[in-house]
Amino acid sequence: MRVSGPFFQLGAGPVKDAISGAVKEIVTEGEHRVGLQLYPGHGLITGHYKRSVHGEMTDSLHGRIHDSNVVYGPWLEGASSRNRTTRFKGYAMFRRATQQLERMKVGIVQKHIARAIARLN
């Protein structure tokens, strides 16, 4: 079997770059979405926690958004055992950001794949 064309000449580079770009954009958008939920009266007093929220690429096709292991992070999110015994149930910032990203991810990936297809053509 003989193969030819730009896809086989360039290898999977453009496709991998497109997926990596999409993951990076999703991580950046997720970091932004979590930060938008931190404002005075809603998780923001000093700004320390907001400055601790970071998105990063952990591998070429993997990313993560985290709060740099701030001690009170699980309590603010609502994932701490303390939330069950107090009136404060948490802000669910990461959960809400995840739900928003779930709705946005297809559009982001399609945009990056369209660029890769254009590059291959």
PDB file of N, CA and C in Angstrom:
ATOM      1  N   MET A   1       0.860  -1.171   0.000  1.00  0.00           N
ATOM      2  CA  MET A   1       0.000   0.000   0.000  1.00  0.00           C
ATOM      3  C   MET A   1       0.901   1.227   0.000  1.00  0.00           C
ATOM      4  N   ARG A   2       0.614   2.146  -0.878  1.00  0.00           N
ATOM      5  CA  ARG A   2       1.353   3.397  -0.913  1.00  0.00           C
ATOM      6  C   ARG A   2       0.463   4.501  -0.387  1.00  0.00           C
ATOM      7  N   VAL A   3       1.032   5.357   0.429  1.00  0.00           N
ATOM      8  CA  VAL A   3       0.276   6.495   0.953  1.00  0.00           C
ATOM      9  C   VAL A   3       1.001   7.775   0.563  1.00  0.00           C
ATOM     10  N   SER A   4       0.212   8.806   0.350  1.00  0.00           N
ATOM     11  CA  SER A   4       0.806  10.097   0.013  1.00  0.00           C
ATOM     12  C   SER A   4      -0.137  11.195   0.478  1.00  0.00           C
ATOM     13  N   GLY A   5       0.340  12.381   0.428  1.00  0.00           N
ATOM     14  CA  GLY A   5      -0.475  13.509   0.839  1.00  0.00           C
ATOM     15  C   GLY A   5       0.110  14.198   2.052  1.00  0.00           C
ATOM     16  N   PRO A   6      -0.392  15.392   2.357  1.00  0.00           N
ATOM     17  CA  PRO A   6       0.189  16.170   3.450  1.00  0.00           C
ATOM     18  C   PRO A   6       0.038  15.530   4.821  1.00  0.00           C
ATOM     19  N   PHE A   7      -1.033  14.782   5.023  1.00  0.00           N
ATOM     20  CA  PHE A   7      -1.207  14.154   6.330  1.00  0.00           C
ATOM     21  C   PHE A   7      -0.079  13.182   6.619  1.00  0.00           C
ATOM     22  N   PHE A   8       0.307  12.406   5.620  1.00  0.00           N
ATOM     23  CA  PHE A   8       1.340  11.406   5.827  1.00  0.00           C
ATOM     24  C   PHE A   8       2.736  12.007   5.784  1.00  0.00           C
ATOM     25  N   GLN A   9       2.894  13.136   5.116  1.00  0.00           N
ATOM     26  CA  GLN A   9       4.192  13.801   5.090  1.00  0.00           C
ATOM     27  C   GLN A   9       4.484  14.480   6.430  1.00  0.00           C
ATOM     28  N   LEU A  10       3.476  15.104   6.989  1.00  0.00           N
ATOM     29  CA  LEU A  10       3.655  15.821   8.248  1.00  0.00           C
ATOM     30  C   LEU A  10       3.511  14.914   9.460  1.00  0.00           C
ATOM     31  N   GLY A  11       3.023  13.702   9.228  1.00  0.00           N
ATOM     32  CA  GLY A  11       2.768  12.819  10.356  1.00  0.00           C
ATOM     33  C   GLY A  11       1.537  13.300  11.117  1.00  0.00           C
ATOM     34  N   ALA A  12       1.445  12.964  12.377  1.00  0.00           N
ATOM     35  CA  ALA A  12       0.292  13.368  13.187  1.00  0.00           C
ATOM     36  C   ALA A  12       0.557  14.687  13.906  1.00  0.00           C
ATOM     37  N   GLY A  13       1.592  15.410  13.520  1.00  0.00           N
ATOM     38  CA  GLY A  13       1.951  16.662  14.176  1.00  0.00           C
ATOM     39  C   GLY A  13       0.815  17.668  14.254  1.00  0.00           C
ATOM     40  N   PRO A  14       0.183  18.034  13.131  1.00  0.00           N
ATOM     41  CA  PRO A  14      -0.889  19.029  13.202  1.00  0.00           C
ATOM     42  C   PRO A  14      -2.077  18.578  14.046  1.00  0.00           C
ATOM     43  N   VAL A  15      -2.395  17.296  13.979  1.00  0.00           N
ATOM     44  CA  VAL A  15      -3.524  16.786  14.761  1.00  0.00           C
ATOM     45  C   VAL A  15      -3.179  16.817  16.248  1.00  0.00           C
ATOM     46  N   LYS A  16      -1.980  16.368  16.586  1.00  0.00           N
ATOM     47  CA  LYS A  16      -1.558  16.390  17.985  1.00  0.00           C
ATOM     48  C   LYS A  16      -1.466  17.826  18.494  1.00  0.00           C
ATOM     49  N   ASP A  17      -0.947  18.720  17.669  1.00  0.00           N
ATOM     50  CA  ASP A  17      -0.872  20.131  18.053  1.00  0.00           C
ATOM     51  C   ASP A  17      -2.267  20.711  18.279  1.00  0.00           C
ATOM     52  N   ALA A  18      -3.225  20.306  17.451  1.00  0.00           N
ATOM     53  CA  ALA A  18      -4.591  20.806  17.596  1.00  0.00           C
ATOM     54  C   ALA A  18      -5.210  20.334  18.901  1.00  0.00           C
ATOM     55  N   ILE A  19      -5.020  19.069  19.216  1.00  0.00           N
ATOM     56  CA  ILE A  19      -5.590  18.536  20.458  1.00  0.00           C
ATOM     57  C   ILE A  19      -4.901  19.161  21.662  1.00  0.00           C
ATOM     58  N   SER A  20      -3.590  19.310  21.593  1.00  0.00           N
ATOM     59  CA  SER A  20      -2.852  19.943  22.685  1.00  0.00           C
ATOM     60  C   SER A  20      -3.295  21.393  22.868  1.00  0.00           C
ATOM     61  N   GLY A  21      -3.505  22.095  21.768  1.00  0.00           N
ATOM     62  CA  GLY A  21      -3.993  23.475  21.834  1.00  0.00           C
ATOM     63  C   GLY A  21      -5.378  23.561  22.439  1.00  0.00           C
ATOM     64  N   ALA A  22      -6.230  22.597  22.092  1.00  0.00           N
ATOM     65  CA  ALA A  22      -7.582  22.577  22.648  1.00  0.00           C
ATOM     66  C   ALA A  22      -7.542  22.327  24.154  1.00  0.00           C
ATOM     67  N   VAL A  23      -6.705  21.385  24.586  1.00  0.00           N
ATOM     68  CA  VAL A  23      -6.587  21.104  26.021  1.00  0.00           C
ATOM     69  C   VAL A  23      -6.073  22.337  26.744  1.00  0.00           C
ATOM     70  N   LYS A  24      -5.081  22.999  26.173  1.00  0.00           N
ATOM     71  CA  LYS A  24      -4.521  24.204  26.800  1.00  0.00           C
ATOM     72  C   LYS A  24      -5.586  25.298  26.905  1.00  0.00           C
ATOM     73  N   GLU A  25      -6.374  25.482  25.858  1.00  0.00           N
ATOM     74  CA  GLU A  25      -7.436  26.494  25.904  1.00  0.00           C
ATOM     75  C   GLU A  25      -8.496  26.143  26.943  1.00  0.00           C
ATOM     76  N   ILE A  26      -8.851  24.866  27.050  1.00  0.00           N
ATOM     77  CA  ILE A  26      -9.841  24.436  28.034  1.00  0.00           C
ATOM     78  C   ILE A  26      -9.314  24.676  29.453  1.00  0.00           C
ATOM     79  N   VAL A  27      -8.035  24.384  29.687  1.00  0.00           N
ATOM     80  CA  VAL A  27      -7.444  24.605  31.009  1.00  0.00           C
ATOM     81  C   VAL A  27      -7.438  26.095  31.338  1.00  0.00           C
ATOM     82  N   THR A  28      -7.046  26.922  30.386  1.00  0.00           N
ATOM     83  CA  THR A  28      -7.008  28.367  30.609  1.00  0.00           C
ATOM     84  C   THR A  28      -8.410  28.906  30.874  1.00  0.00           C
ATOM     85  N   GLU A  29      -9.371  28.445  30.099  1.00  0.00           N
ATOM     86  CA  GLU A  29     -10.755  28.880  30.296  1.00  0.00           C
ATOM     87  C   GLU A  29     -11.291  28.409  31.643  1.00  0.00           C
ATOM     88  N   GLY A  30     -10.940  27.194  32.055  1.00  0.00           N
ATOM     89  CA  GLY A  30     -11.377  26.683  33.351  1.00  0.00           C
ATOM     90  C   GLY A  30     -10.812  27.493  34.503  1.00  0.00           C
ATOM     91  N   GLU A  31      -9.536  27.847  34.407  1.00  0.00           N
ATOM     92  CA  GLU A  31      -8.920  28.687  35.435  1.00  0.00           C
ATOM     93  C   GLU A  31      -9.649  30.031  35.517  1.00  0.00           C
ATOM     94  N   HIS A  32      -9.965  30.584  34.372  1.00  0.00           N
ATOM     95  CA  HIS A  32     -10.695  31.859  34.318  1.00  0.00           C
ATOM     96  C   HIS A  32     -12.093  31.714  34.928  1.00  0.00           C
ATOM     97  N   ARG A  33     -12.785  30.627  34.603  1.00  0.00           N
ATOM     98  CA  ARG A  33     -14.146  30.404  35.112  1.00  0.00           C
ATOM     99  C   ARG A  33     -14.174  30.248  36.630  1.00  0.00           C
ATOM    100  N   VAL A  34     -13.197  29.577  37.201  1.00  0.00           N
ATOM    101  CA  VAL A  34     -13.129  29.448  38.661  1.00  0.00           C
ATOM    102  C   VAL A  34     -12.876  30.818  39.271  1.00  0.00           C
ATOM    103  N   GLY A  35     -11.953  31.569  38.681  1.00  0.00           N
ATOM    104  CA  GLY A  35     -11.642  32.905  39.189  1.00  0.00           C
ATOM    105  C   GLY A  35     -12.814  33.858  39.147  1.00  0.00           C
ATOM    106  N   LEU A  36     -13.670  33.727  38.121  1.00  0.00           N
ATOM    107  CA  LEU A  36     -14.847  34.600  38.018  1.00  0.00           C
ATOM    108  C   LEU A  36     -15.817  34.399  39.175  1.00  0.00           C
ATOM    109  N   GLN A  37     -15.801  33.225  39.771  1.00  0.00           N
ATOM    110  CA  GLN A  37     -16.724  32.931  40.863  1.00  0.00           C
ATOM    111  C   GLN A  37     -16.202  33.406  42.224  1.00  0.00           C
ATOM    112  N   LEU A  38     -15.002  33.935  42.241  1.00  0.00           N
ATOM    113  CA  LEU A  38     -14.415  34.452  43.483  1.00  0.00           C
ATOM    114  C   LEU A  38     -14.455  35.971  43.437  1.00  0.00           C
ATOM    115  N   TYR A  39     -15.368  36.541  44.161  1.00  0.00           N
ATOM    116  CA  TYR A  39     -15.528  37.991  44.223  1.00  0.00           C
ATOM    117  C   TYR A  39     -15.888  38.368  45.650  1.00  0.00           C
ATOM    118  N   PRO A  40     -15.762  39.650  46.029  1.00  0.00           N
ATOM    119  CA  PRO A  40     -16.055  40.037  47.418  1.00  0.00           C
ATOM    120  C   PRO A  40     -17.442  39.567  47.855  1.00  0.00           C
ATOM    121  N   GLY A  41     -17.477  38.896  48.989  1.00  0.00           N
ATOM    122  CA  GLY A  41     -18.730  38.341  49.502  1.00  0.00           C
ATOM    123  C   GLY A  41     -18.978  36.920  49.044  1.00  0.00           C
ATOM    124  N   HIS A  42     -18.156  36.434  48.131  1.00  0.00           N
ATOM    125  CA  HIS A  42     -18.321  35.075  47.616  1.00  0.00           C
ATOM    126  C   HIS A  42     -16.944  34.439  47.449  1.00  0.00           C
ATOM    127  N   GLY A  43     -16.278  34.186  48.560  1.00  0.00           N
ATOM    128  CA  GLY A  43     -15.001  33.496  48.544  1.00  0.00           C
ATOM    129  C   GLY A  43     -13.791  34.390  48.394  1.00  0.00           C
ATOM    130  N   LEU A  44     -13.981  35.705  48.314  1.00  0.00           N
ATOM    131  CA  LEU A  44     -12.827  36.591  48.149  1.00  0.00           C
ATOM    132  C   LEU A  44     -12.807  37.625  49.262  1.00  0.00           C
ATOM    133  N   ILE A  45     -11.820  37.527  50.109  1.00  0.00           N
ATOM    134  CA  ILE A  45     -11.608  38.538  51.149  1.00  0.00           C
ATOM    135  C   ILE A  45     -10.244  39.181  50.916  1.00  0.00           C
ATOM    136  N   THR A  46      -9.196  38.360  50.940  1.00  0.00           N
ATOM    137  CA  THR A  46      -7.848  38.891  50.754  1.00  0.00           C
ATOM    138  C   THR A  46      -7.340  38.687  49.326  1.00  0.00           C
ATOM    139  N   GLY A  47      -7.898  37.765  48.598  1.00  0.00           N
ATOM    140  CA  GLY A  47      -7.426  37.462  47.257  1.00  0.00           C
ATOM    141  C   GLY A  47      -6.420  36.331  47.208  1.00  0.00           C
ATOM    142  N   HIS A  48      -6.038  35.812  48.381  1.00  0.00           N
ATOM    143  CA  HIS A  48      -5.045  34.735  48.429  1.00  0.00           C
ATOM    144  C   HIS A  48      -5.532  33.492  47.693  1.00  0.00           C
ATOM    145  N   TYR A  49      -6.752  33.096  47.931  1.00  0.00           N
ATOM    146  CA  TYR A  49      -7.256  31.874  47.295  1.00  0.00           C
ATOM    147  C   TYR A  49      -7.366  32.062  45.782  1.00  0.00           C
ATOM    148  N   LYS A  50      -7.837  33.212  45.353  1.00  0.00           N
ATOM    149  CA  LYS A  50      -7.974  33.473  43.914  1.00  0.00           C
ATOM    150  C   LYS A  50      -6.607  33.418  43.230  1.00  0.00           C
ATOM    151  N   ARG A  51      -5.581  33.932  43.886  1.00  0.00           N
ATOM    152  CA  ARG A  51      -4.228  33.877  43.323  1.00  0.00           C
ATOM    153  C   ARG A  51      -3.667  32.455  43.348  1.00  0.00           C
ATOM    154  N   SER A  52      -4.246  31.583  44.154  1.00  0.00           N
ATOM    155  CA  SER A  52      -3.755  30.204  44.270  1.00  0.00           C
ATOM    156  C   SER A  52      -4.356  29.269  43.237  1.00  0.00           C
ATOM    157  N   VAL A  53      -5.372  29.698  42.516  1.00  0.00           N
ATOM    158  CA  VAL A  53      -6.012  28.849  41.504  1.00  0.00           C
ATOM    159  C   VAL A  53      -5.193  28.939  40.220  1.00  0.00           C
ATOM    160  N   HIS A  54      -4.712  27.783  39.757  1.00  0.00           N
ATOM    161  CA  HIS A  54      -3.864  27.733  38.570  1.00  0.00           C
ATOM    162  C   HIS A  54      -4.289  26.598  37.649  1.00  0.00           C
ATOM    163  N   GLY A  55      -4.163  26.856  36.375  1.00  0.00           N
ATOM    164  CA  GLY A  55      -4.336  25.822  35.370  1.00  0.00           C
ATOM    165  C   GLY A  55      -2.985  25.548  34.749  1.00  0.00           C
ATOM    166  N   GLU A  56      -2.707  24.292  34.477  1.00  0.00           N
ATOM    167  CA  GLU A  56      -1.410  23.942  33.899  1.00  0.00           C
ATOM    168  C   GLU A  56      -1.522  22.704  33.039  1.00  0.00           C
ATOM    169  N   MET A  57      -0.631  22.612  32.083  1.00  0.00           N
ATOM    170  CA  MET A  57      -0.524  21.414  31.270  1.00  0.00           C
ATOM    171  C   MET A  57       0.381  20.448  32.029  1.00  0.00           C
ATOM    172  N   THR A  58      -0.088  19.239  32.287  1.00  0.00           N
ATOM    173  CA  THR A  58       0.716  18.257  33.002  1.00  0.00           C
ATOM    174  C   THR A  58       1.446  17.337  32.042  1.00  0.00           C
ATOM    175  N   ASP A  59       0.943  17.230  30.838  1.00  0.00           N
ATOM    176  CA  ASP A  59       1.532  16.400  29.792  1.00  0.00           C
ATOM    177  C   ASP A  59       1.110  17.039  28.478  1.00  0.00           C
ATOM    178  N   SER A  60       1.536  16.505  27.376  1.00  0.00           N
ATOM    179  CA  SER A  60       1.197  17.132  26.105  1.00  0.00           C
ATOM    180  C   SER A  60      -0.310  17.139  25.840  1.00  0.00           C
ATOM    181  N   LEU A  61      -1.026  16.158  26.345  1.00  0.00           N
ATOM    182  CA  LEU A  61      -2.463  16.088  26.102  1.00  0.00           C
ATOM    183  C   LEU A  61      -3.275  16.048  27.390  1.00  0.00           C
ATOM    184  N   HIS A  62      -2.691  16.467  28.496  1.00  0.00           N
ATOM    185  CA  HIS A  62      -3.381  16.471  29.780  1.00  0.00           C
ATOM    186  C   HIS A  62      -3.174  17.807  30.481  1.00  0.00           C
ATOM    187  N   GLY A  63      -4.220  18.291  31.109  1.00  0.00           N
ATOM    188  CA  GLY A  63      -4.118  19.522  31.868  1.00  0.00           C
ATOM    189  C   GLY A  63      -4.883  19.374  33.169  1.00  0.00           C
ATOM    190  N   ARG A  64      -4.624  20.309  34.081  1.00  0.00           N
ATOM    191  CA  ARG A  64      -5.355  20.270  35.346  1.00  0.00           C
ATOM    192  C   ARG A  64      -5.494  21.681  35.884  1.00  0.00           C
ATOM    193  N   ILE A  65      -6.548  21.876  36.638  1.00  0.00           N
ATOM    194  CA  ILE A  65      -6.803  23.141  37.305  1.00  0.00           C
ATOM    195  C   ILE A  65      -6.851  22.821  38.789  1.00  0.00           C
ATOM    196  N   HIS A  66      -6.086  23.557  39.584  1.00  0.00           N
ATOM    197  CA  HIS A  66      -5.999  23.237  41.009  1.00  0.00           C
ATOM    198  C   HIS A  66      -5.859  24.519  41.818  1.00  0.00           C
ATOM    199  N   ASP A  67      -5.957  24.361  43.132  1.00  0.00           N
ATOM    200  CA  ASP A  67      -5.857  25.515  44.025  1.00  0.00           C
ATOM    201  C   ASP A  67      -4.555  25.504  44.822  1.00  0.00           C
ATOM    202  N   SER A  68      -3.532  24.884  44.293  1.00  0.00           N
ATOM    203  CA  SER A  68      -2.199  24.821  44.922  1.00  0.00           C
ATOM    204  C   SER A  68      -2.256  24.250  46.334  1.00  0.00           C
ATOM    205  N   ASN A  69      -3.198  23.372  46.583  1.00  0.00           N
ATOM    206  CA  ASN A  69      -3.353  22.698  47.880  1.00  0.00           C
ATOM    207  C   ASN A  69      -3.515  23.669  49.049  1.00  0.00           C
ATOM    208  N   VAL A  70      -4.271  24.719  48.837  1.00  0.00           N
ATOM    209  CA  VAL A  70      -4.582  25.644  49.932  1.00  0.00           C
ATOM    210  C   VAL A  70      -5.379  24.866  50.968  1.00  0.00           C
ATOM    211  N   VAL A  71      -5.030  25.020  52.225  1.00  0.00           N
ATOM    212  CA  VAL A  71      -5.601  24.224  53.309  1.00  0.00           C
ATOM    213  C   VAL A  71      -7.126  24.335  53.340  1.00  0.00           C
ATOM    214  N   TYR A  72      -7.665  25.528  53.159  1.00  0.00           N
ATOM    215  CA  TYR A  72      -9.115  25.710  53.261  1.00  0.00           C
ATOM    216  C   TYR A  72      -9.823  25.565  51.917  1.00  0.00           C
ATOM    217  N   GLY A  73      -9.108  25.119  50.890  1.00  0.00           N
ATOM    218  CA  GLY A  73      -9.706  24.934  49.566  1.00  0.00           C
ATOM    219  C   GLY A  73     -10.883  23.963  49.547  1.00  0.00           C
ATOM    220  N   PRO A  74     -10.732  22.757  50.122  1.00  0.00           N
ATOM    221  CA  PRO A  74     -11.870  21.829  50.122  1.00  0.00           C
ATOM    222  C   PRO A  74     -13.081  22.390  50.865  1.00  0.00           C
ATOM    223  N   TRP A  75     -12.855  23.160  51.909  1.00  0.00           N
ATOM    224  CA  TRP A  75     -13.962  23.758  52.650  1.00  0.00           C
ATOM    225  C   TRP A  75     -14.686  24.793  51.781  1.00  0.00           C
ATOM    226  N   LEU A  76     -13.918  25.642  51.066  1.00  0.00           N
ATOM    227  CA  LEU A  76     -14.551  26.623  50.175  1.00  0.00           C
ATOM    228  C   LEU A  76     -15.314  25.946  49.050  1.00  0.00           C
ATOM    229  N   GLU A  77     -14.772  24.855  48.544  1.00  0.00           N
ATOM    230  CA  GLU A  77     -15.426  24.136  47.453  1.00  0.00           C
ATOM    231  C   GLU A  77     -16.677  23.419  47.948  1.00  0.00           C
ATOM    232  N   GLY A  78     -16.658  22.958  49.180  1.00  0.00           N
ATOM    233  CA  GLY A  78     -17.792  22.218  49.735  1.00  0.00           C
ATOM    234  C   GLY A  78     -17.526  20.730  49.803  1.00  0.00           C
ATOM    235  N   ALA A  79     -16.259  20.350  49.663  1.00  0.00           N
ATOM    236  CA  ALA A  79     -15.893  18.942  49.653  1.00  0.00           C
ATOM    237  C   ALA A  79     -15.304  18.476  50.982  1.00  0.00           C
ATOM    238  N   SER A  80     -15.277  19.338  51.972  1.00  0.00           N
ATOM    239  CA  SER A  80     -14.688  19.004  53.264  1.00  0.00           C
ATOM    240  C   SER A  80     -15.731  18.366  54.184  1.00  0.00           C
ATOM    241  N   SER A  81     -15.264  17.562  55.117  1.00  0.00           N
ATOM    242  CA  SER A  81     -16.188  16.978  56.094  1.00  0.00           C
ATOM    243  C   SER A  81     -16.775  18.071  56.990  1.00  0.00           C
ATOM    244  N   ARG A  82     -16.091  19.198  57.101  1.00  0.00           N
ATOM    245  CA  ARG A  82     -16.604  20.309  57.906  1.00  0.00           C
ATOM    246  C   ARG A  82     -17.884  20.901  57.301  1.00  0.00           C
ATOM    247  N   ASN A  83     -18.043  20.793  55.992  1.00  0.00           N
ATOM    248  CA  ASN A  83     -19.240  21.339  55.352  1.00  0.00           C
ATOM    249  C   ASN A  83     -20.509  20.598  55.774  1.00  0.00           C
ATOM    250  N   ARG A  84     -20.367  19.347  56.167  1.00  0.00           N
ATOM    251  CA  ARG A  84     -21.545  18.574  56.586  1.00  0.00           C
ATOM    252  C   ARG A  84     -22.040  18.999  57.963  1.00  0.00           C
ATOM    253  N   THR A  85     -21.151  19.578  58.763  1.00  0.00           N
ATOM    254  CA  THR A  85     -21.534  19.916  60.134  1.00  0.00           C
ATOM    255  C   THR A  85     -21.787  21.403  60.339  1.00  0.00           C
ATOM    256  N   THR A  86     -21.644  22.205  59.290  1.00  0.00           N
ATOM    257  CA  THR A  86     -21.888  23.643  59.413  1.00  0.00           C
ATOM    258  C   THR A  86     -22.948  24.071  58.406  1.00  0.00           C
ATOM    259  N   ARG A  87     -23.405  25.300  58.544  1.00  0.00           N
ATOM    260  CA  ARG A  87     -24.389  25.827  57.590  1.00  0.00           C
ATOM    261  C   ARG A  87     -23.766  26.109  56.231  1.00  0.00           C
ATOM    262  N   PHE A  88     -22.476  26.376  56.193  1.00  0.00           N
ATOM    263  CA  PHE A  88     -21.803  26.703  54.939  1.00  0.00           C
ATOM    264  C   PHE A  88     -21.565  25.429  54.139  1.00  0.00           C
ATOM    265  N   LYS A  89     -22.175  25.336  52.993  1.00  0.00           N
ATOM    266  CA  LYS A  89     -22.083  24.130  52.170  1.00  0.00           C
ATOM    267  C   LYS A  89     -21.070  24.259  51.038  1.00  0.00           C
ATOM    268  N   GLY A  90     -20.392  25.392  50.927  1.00  0.00           N
ATOM    269  CA  GLY A  90     -19.354  25.567  49.919  1.00  0.00           C
ATOM    270  C   GLY A  90     -19.868  26.338  48.716  1.00  0.00           C
ATOM    271  N   TYR A  91     -18.924  26.814  47.922  1.00  0.00           N
ATOM    272  CA  TYR A  91     -19.271  27.595  46.734  1.00  0.00           C
ATOM    273  C   TYR A  91     -19.332  26.755  45.465  1.00  0.00           C
ATOM    274  N   ALA A  92     -18.766  25.578  45.459  1.00  0.00           N
ATOM    275  CA  ALA A  92     -18.786  24.663  44.307  1.00  0.00           C
ATOM    276  C   ALA A  92     -18.224  25.328  43.053  1.00  0.00           C
ATOM    277  N   MET A  93     -17.151  26.080  43.205  1.00  0.00           N
ATOM    278  CA  MET A  93     -16.554  26.807  42.089  1.00  0.00           C
ATOM    279  C   MET A  93     -15.998  25.863  41.028  1.00  0.00           C
ATOM    280  N   PHE A  94     -15.276  24.838  41.455  1.00  0.00           N
ATOM    281  CA  PHE A  94     -14.688  23.905  40.500  1.00  0.00           C
ATOM    282  C   PHE A  94     -15.769  23.056  39.838  1.00  0.00           C
ATOM    283  N   ARG A  95     -16.789  22.677  40.596  1.00  0.00           N
ATOM    284  CA  ARG A  95     -17.878  21.884  40.010  1.00  0.00           C
ATOM    285  C   ARG A  95     -18.606  22.688  38.947  1.00  0.00           C
ATOM    286  N   ARG A  96     -18.908  23.946  39.243  1.00  0.00           N
ATOM    287  CA  ARG A  96     -19.595  24.788  38.265  1.00  0.00           C
ATOM    288  C   ARG A  96     -18.727  25.062  37.039  1.00  0.00           C
ATOM    289  N   ALA A  97     -17.446  25.299  37.266  1.00  0.00           N
ATOM    290  CA  ALA A  97     -16.540  25.524  36.136  1.00  0.00           C
ATOM    291  C   ALA A  97     -16.463  24.273  35.264  1.00  0.00           C
ATOM    292  N   THR A  98     -16.452  23.103  35.887  1.00  0.00           N
ATOM    293  CA  THR A  98     -16.430  21.846  35.136  1.00  0.00           C
ATOM    294  C   THR A  98     -17.685  21.712  34.289  1.00  0.00           C
ATOM    295  N   GLN A  99     -18.840  22.037  34.849  1.00  0.00           N
ATOM    296  CA  GLN A  99     -20.089  21.962  34.091  1.00  0.00           C
ATOM    297  C   GLN A  99     -20.079  22.923  32.905  1.00  0.00           C
ATOM    298  N   GLN A 100     -19.543  24.127  33.110  1.00  0.00           N
ATOM    299  CA  GLN A 100     -19.458  25.094  32.017  1.00  0.00           C
ATOM    300  C   GLN A 100     -18.506  24.603  30.932  1.00  0.00           C
ATOM    301  N   LEU A 101     -17.376  24.033  31.332  1.00  0.00           N
ATOM    302  CA  LEU A 101     -16.412  23.522  30.366  1.00  0.00           C
ATOM    303  C   LEU A 101     -16.960  22.330  29.592  1.00  0.00           C
ATOM    304  N   GLU A 102     -17.769  21.509  30.250  1.00  0.00           N
ATOM    305  CA  GLU A 102     -18.394  20.379  29.556  1.00  0.00           C
ATOM    306  C   GLU A 102     -19.260  20.874  28.396  1.00  0.00           C
ATOM    307  N   ARG A 103     -19.939  22.001  28.595  1.00  0.00           N
ATOM    308  CA  ARG A 103     -20.772  22.555  27.527  1.00  0.00           C
ATOM    309  C   ARG A 103     -19.942  23.213  26.430  1.00  0.00           C
ATOM    310  N   MET A 104     -18.745  23.706  26.762  1.00  0.00           N
ATOM    311  CA  MET A 104     -17.922  24.442  25.818  1.00  0.00           C
ATOM    312  C   MET A 104     -16.909  23.581  25.063  1.00  0.00           C
ATOM    313  N   LYS A 105     -16.585  22.420  25.572  1.00  0.00           N
ATOM    314  CA  LYS A 105     -15.443  21.663  25.061  1.00  0.00           C
ATOM    315  C   LYS A 105     -15.567  21.261  23.597  1.00  0.00           C
ATOM    316  N   VAL A 106     -16.750  20.895  23.150  1.00  0.00           N
ATOM    317  CA  VAL A 106     -16.904  20.461  21.762  1.00  0.00           C
ATOM    318  C   VAL A 106     -16.576  21.601  20.806  1.00  0.00           C
ATOM    319  N   GLY A 107     -17.063  22.795  21.097  1.00  0.00           N
ATOM    320  CA  GLY A 107     -16.779  23.948  20.250  1.00  0.00           C
ATOM    321  C   GLY A 107     -15.298  24.289  20.211  1.00  0.00           C
ATOM    322  N   ILE A 108     -14.641  24.192  21.351  1.00  0.00           N
ATOM    323  CA  ILE A 108     -13.209  24.491  21.421  1.00  0.00           C
ATOM    324  C   ILE A 108     -12.417  23.477  20.602  1.00  0.00           C
ATOM    325  N   VAL A 109     -12.735  22.199  20.769  1.00  0.00           N
ATOM    326  CA  VAL A 109     -12.018  21.156  20.037  1.00  0.00           C
ATOM    327  C   VAL A 109     -12.276  21.295  18.535  1.00  0.00           C
ATOM    328  N   GLN A 110     -13.515  21.567  18.141  1.00  0.00           N
ATOM    329  CA  GLN A 110     -13.825  21.722  16.720  1.00  0.00           C
ATOM    330  C   GLN A 110     -13.039  22.866  16.099  1.00  0.00           C
ATOM    331  N   LYS A 111     -12.886  23.959  16.838  1.00  0.00           N
ATOM    332  CA  LYS A 111     -12.138  25.106  16.336  1.00  0.00           C
ATOM    333  C   LYS A 111     -10.686  24.725  16.071  1.00  0.00           C
ATOM    334  N   HIS A 112     -10.073  23.998  16.997  1.00  0.00           N
ATOM    335  CA  HIS A 112      -8.676  23.610  16.835  1.00  0.00           C
ATOM    336  C   HIS A 112      -8.497  22.548  15.754  1.00  0.00           C
ATOM    337  N   ILE A 113      -9.429  21.631  15.642  1.00  0.00           N
ATOM    338  CA  ILE A 113      -9.358  20.608  14.592  1.00  0.00           C
ATOM    339  C   ILE A 113      -9.543  21.252  13.220  1.00  0.00           C
ATOM    340  N   ALA A 114     -10.430  22.248  13.117  1.00  0.00           N
ATOM    341  CA  ALA A 114     -10.624  22.946  11.839  1.00  0.00           C
ATOM    342  C   ALA A 114      -9.332  23.624  11.399  1.00  0.00           C
ATOM    343  N   ARG A 115      -8.608  24.202  12.348  1.00  0.00           N
ATOM    344  CA  ARG A 115      -7.308  24.809  12.019  1.00  0.00           C
ATOM    345  C   ARG A 115      -6.320  23.755  11.537  1.00  0.00           C
ATOM    346  N   ALA A 116      -6.329  22.584  12.179  1.00  0.00           N
ATOM    347  CA  ALA A 116      -5.415  21.509  11.771  1.00  0.00           C
ATOM    348  C   ALA A 116      -5.765  21.013  10.368  1.00  0.00           C
ATOM    349  N   ILE A 117      -7.046  20.884  10.068  1.00  0.00           N
ATOM    350  CA  ILE A 117      -7.474  20.437   8.738  1.00  0.00           C
ATOM    351  C   ILE A 117      -7.061  21.455   7.687  1.00  0.00           C
ATOM    352  N   ALA A 118      -7.233  22.731   7.998  1.00  0.00           N
ATOM    353  CA  ALA A 118      -6.821  23.785   7.070  1.00  0.00           C
ATOM    354  C   ALA A 118      -5.312  23.725   6.842  1.00  0.00           C
ATOM    355  N   ARG A 119      -4.564  23.451   7.893  1.00  0.00           N
ATOM    356  CA  ARG A 119      -3.118  23.352   7.779  1.00  0.00           C
ATOM    357  C   ARG A 119      -2.700  22.139   6.942  1.00  0.00           C
ATOM    358  N   LEU A 120      -3.453  21.047   7.075  1.00  0.00           N
ATOM    359  CA  LEU A 120      -3.150  19.842   6.307  1.00  0.00           C
ATOM    360  C   LEU A 120      -3.516  20.007   4.828  1.00  0.00           C
ATOM    361  N   ASN A 121      -4.518  20.824   4.558  1.00  0.00           N
ATOM    362  CA  ASN A 121      -4.922  21.042   3.157  1.00  0.00           C
ATOM    363  C   ASN A 121      -4.003  22.043   2.556  1.00  0.00           C
TER     364      ASN A 121
END
